Amino acid sequence: MPLTETLDPVARAAVLLKEHRQSIDRLDAILVYTLGERFKHTQAVGKLKAENDLPPSDPDREAAQIARLEDLATQADLDPDFAKKFLNFVIQEVIRHHRQHQS
């Protein structure tokens, strides 16, 4: 019999809450490191664009990425509107970095 089944409801909830929070903390770390890796690549793209006199934004690619992310969000059971807002935020930050390289 698992330990949580022998506990009173409040103690069981505390154990389960702790487990959920540990998972959330691990996932937050994954998100931060993943964003760090992503921005390393977008910084390289920004430098490449600046060196080759390319515009800092690519509306066609951005639209395709948003559509792709909305589809992935649906598959992952994540609110596609939230995913779209998140990607728009990331894209605007990337464009800001790209413009800095062109200055």
C-alpha atoms as a PDB file:
ATOM      1  CA  MET A   1       0.000   0.000   0.000  1.00  0.00           C
ATOM      2  CA  PRO A   2       1.471   3.397  -0.984  1.00  0.00           C
ATOM      3  CA  LEU A   3       2.354   5.713   1.871  1.00  0.00           C
ATOM      4  CA  THR A   4      -0.137   8.382   0.768  1.00  0.00           C
ATOM      5  CA  GLU A   5      -3.038   5.951   1.217  1.00  0.00           C
ATOM      6  CA  THR A   6      -2.213   5.534   4.917  1.00  0.00           C
ATOM      7  CA  LEU A   7      -2.222   9.271   5.631  1.00  0.00           C
ATOM      8  CA  ASP A   8      -5.101  11.452   6.687  1.00  0.00           C
ATOM      9  CA  PRO A   9      -6.500  13.648   3.869  1.00  0.00           C
ATOM     10  CA  VAL A  10      -4.599  16.799   4.890  1.00  0.00           C
ATOM     11  CA  ALA A  11      -1.260  14.991   5.188  1.00  0.00           C
ATOM     12  CA  ARG A  12      -1.909  13.187   1.892  1.00  0.00           C
ATOM     13  CA  ALA A  13      -2.684  16.504   0.194  1.00  0.00           C
ATOM     14  CA  ALA A  14       0.548  17.985   1.585  1.00  0.00           C
ATOM     15  CA  VAL A  15       2.593  15.092   0.144  1.00  0.00           C
ATOM     16  CA  LEU A  16       0.896  15.359  -3.246  1.00  0.00           C
ATOM     17  CA  LEU A  17       1.283  19.147  -3.263  1.00  0.00           C
ATOM     18  CA  LYS A  18       5.007  18.799  -2.575  1.00  0.00           C
ATOM     19  CA  GLU A  19       5.371  16.297  -5.453  1.00  0.00           C
ATOM     20  CA  HIS A  20       3.516  18.588  -7.865  1.00  0.00           C
ATOM     21  CA  ARG A  21       5.638  21.560  -6.841  1.00  0.00           C
ATOM     22  CA  GLN A  22       8.847  19.575  -7.345  1.00  0.00           C
ATOM     23  CA  SER A  23       7.680  18.710 -10.868  1.00  0.00           C
ATOM     24  CA  ILE A  24       6.787  22.341 -11.542  1.00  0.00           C
ATOM     25  CA  ASP A  25      10.238  23.444 -10.352  1.00  0.00           C
ATOM     26  CA  ARG A  26      11.944  20.932 -12.682  1.00  0.00           C
ATOM     27  CA  LEU A  27       9.789  22.066 -15.600  1.00  0.00           C
ATOM     28  CA  ASP A  28      10.548  25.730 -14.858  1.00  0.00           C
ATOM     29  CA  ALA A  29      14.263  24.911 -15.035  1.00  0.00           C
ATOM     30  CA  ILE A  30      13.734  23.149 -18.363  1.00  0.00           C
ATOM     31  CA  LEU A  31      11.858  26.180 -19.710  1.00  0.00           C
ATOM     32  CA  VAL A  32      14.602  28.599 -18.639  1.00  0.00           C
ATOM     33  CA  TYR A  33      17.414  26.510 -20.118  1.00  0.00           C
ATOM     34  CA  THR A  34      15.405  25.920 -23.302  1.00  0.00           C
ATOM     35  CA  LEU A  35      14.761  29.648 -23.703  1.00  0.00           C
ATOM     36  CA  GLY A  36      18.456  30.304 -23.088  1.00  0.00           C
ATOM     37  CA  GLU A  37      19.388  27.879 -25.862  1.00  0.00           C
ATOM     38  CA  ARG A  38      16.765  29.345 -28.178  1.00  0.00           C
ATOM     39  CA  PHE A  39      18.052  32.879 -27.646  1.00  0.00           C
ATOM     40  CA  LYS A  40      21.636  31.771 -28.382  1.00  0.00           C
ATOM     41  CA  HIS A  41      20.419  30.713 -31.824  1.00  0.00           C
ATOM     42  CA  THR A  42      18.307  33.811 -32.393  1.00  0.00           C
ATOM     43  CA  GLN A  43      21.284  35.995 -31.402  1.00  0.00           C
ATOM     44  CA  ALA A  44      23.342  34.202 -34.063  1.00  0.00           C
ATOM     45  CA  VAL A  45      20.532  34.778 -36.579  1.00  0.00           C
ATOM     46  CA  GLY A  46      20.452  38.464 -35.627  1.00  0.00           C
ATOM     47  CA  LYS A  47      24.192  38.820 -36.225  1.00  0.00           C
ATOM     48  CA  LEU A  48      23.896  36.989 -39.533  1.00  0.00           C
ATOM     49  CA  LYS A  49      21.050  39.256 -40.620  1.00  0.00           C
ATOM     50  CA  ALA A  50      22.972  42.383 -39.610  1.00  0.00           C
ATOM     51  CA  GLU A  51      26.128  41.247 -41.427  1.00  0.00           C
ATOM     52  CA  ASN A  52      24.118  40.579 -44.585  1.00  0.00           C
ATOM     53  CA  ASP A  53      21.869  43.653 -44.376  1.00  0.00           C
ATOM     54  CA  LEU A  54      18.707  41.578 -43.926  1.00  0.00           C
ATOM     55  CA  PRO A  55      15.622  42.957 -42.146  1.00  0.00           C
ATOM     56  CA  PRO A  56      15.344  42.173 -38.422  1.00  0.00           C
ATOM     57  CA  SER A  57      11.889  40.637 -38.791  1.00  0.00           C
ATOM     58  CA  ASP A  58      10.432  38.088 -41.197  1.00  0.00           C
ATOM     59  CA  PRO A  59       6.625  38.350 -41.057  1.00  0.00           C
ATOM     60  CA  ASP A  60       6.067  35.215 -43.181  1.00  0.00           C
ATOM     61  CA  ARG A  61       8.249  33.092 -40.885  1.00  0.00           C
ATOM     62  CA  GLU A  62       6.663  34.624 -37.793  1.00  0.00           C
ATOM     63  CA  ALA A  63       3.158  33.795 -39.061  1.00  0.00           C
ATOM     64  CA  ALA A  64       4.223  30.228 -39.894  1.00  0.00           C
ATOM     65  CA  GLN A  65       5.801  29.817 -36.457  1.00  0.00           C
ATOM     66  CA  ILE A  66       2.672  31.082 -34.715  1.00  0.00           C
ATOM     67  CA  ALA A  67       0.478  28.675 -36.698  1.00  0.00           C
ATOM     68  CA  ARG A  68       2.898  25.826 -35.932  1.00  0.00           C
ATOM     69  CA  LEU A  69       2.947  26.661 -32.222  1.00  0.00           C
ATOM     70  CA  GLU A  70      -0.846  26.889 -32.064  1.00  0.00           C
ATOM     71  CA  ASP A  71      -1.028  23.399 -33.583  1.00  0.00           C
ATOM     72  CA  LEU A  72       1.562  22.062 -31.134  1.00  0.00           C
ATOM     73  CA  ALA A  73      -0.332  23.686 -28.262  1.00  0.00           C
ATOM     74  CA  THR A  74      -3.543  21.978 -29.315  1.00  0.00           C
ATOM     75  CA  GLN A  75      -1.729  18.633 -29.466  1.00  0.00           C
ATOM     76  CA  ALA A  76      -0.236  19.279 -26.001  1.00  0.00           C
ATOM     77  CA  ASP A  77      -3.624  20.254 -24.541  1.00  0.00           C
ATOM     78  CA  LEU A  78      -2.380  23.817 -23.963  1.00  0.00           C
ATOM     79  CA  ASP A  79      -4.545  26.844 -24.671  1.00  0.00           C
ATOM     80  CA  PRO A  80      -3.527  27.903 -28.216  1.00  0.00           C
ATOM     81  CA  ASP A  81      -4.260  31.559 -27.408  1.00  0.00           C
ATOM     82  CA  PHE A  82      -1.785  31.422 -24.531  1.00  0.00           C
ATOM     83  CA  ALA A  83       0.791  29.740 -26.780  1.00  0.00           C
ATOM     84  CA  LYS A  84       0.284  32.440 -29.412  1.00  0.00           C
ATOM     85  CA  LYS A  85       0.711  35.234 -26.855  1.00  0.00           C
ATOM     86  CA  PHE A  86       3.838  33.574 -25.501  1.00  0.00           C
ATOM     87  CA  LEU A  87       5.402  33.150 -28.951  1.00  0.00           C
ATOM     88  CA  ASN A  88       4.493  36.723 -29.900  1.00  0.00           C
ATOM     89  CA  PHE A  89       6.301  37.917 -26.783  1.00  0.00           C
ATOM     90  CA  VAL A  90       9.370  35.830 -27.651  1.00  0.00           C
ATOM     91  CA  ILE A  91       9.333  37.009 -31.279  1.00  0.00           C
ATOM     92  CA  GLN A  92       9.165  40.671 -30.235  1.00  0.00           C
ATOM     93  CA  GLU A  93      12.130  40.132 -27.917  1.00  0.00           C
ATOM     94  CA  VAL A  94      14.091  38.445 -30.719  1.00  0.00           C
ATOM     95  CA  ILE A  95      13.309  41.313 -33.116  1.00  0.00           C
ATOM     96  CA  ARG A  96      14.457  43.793 -30.477  1.00  0.00           C
ATOM     97  CA  HIS A  97      17.768  41.914 -30.203  1.00  0.00           C
ATOM     98  CA  HIS A  98      18.104  41.791 -33.996  1.00  0.00           C
ATOM     99  CA  ARG A  99      17.615  45.555 -34.205  1.00  0.00           C
ATOM    100  CA  GLN A 100      20.339  46.043 -31.604  1.00  0.00           C
ATOM    101  CA  HIS A 101      22.754  44.134 -33.839  1.00  0.00           C
ATOM    102  CA  GLN A 102      21.928  46.440 -36.715  1.00  0.00           C
ATOM    103  CA  SER A 103      22.705  49.598 -34.742  1.00  0.00           C
END
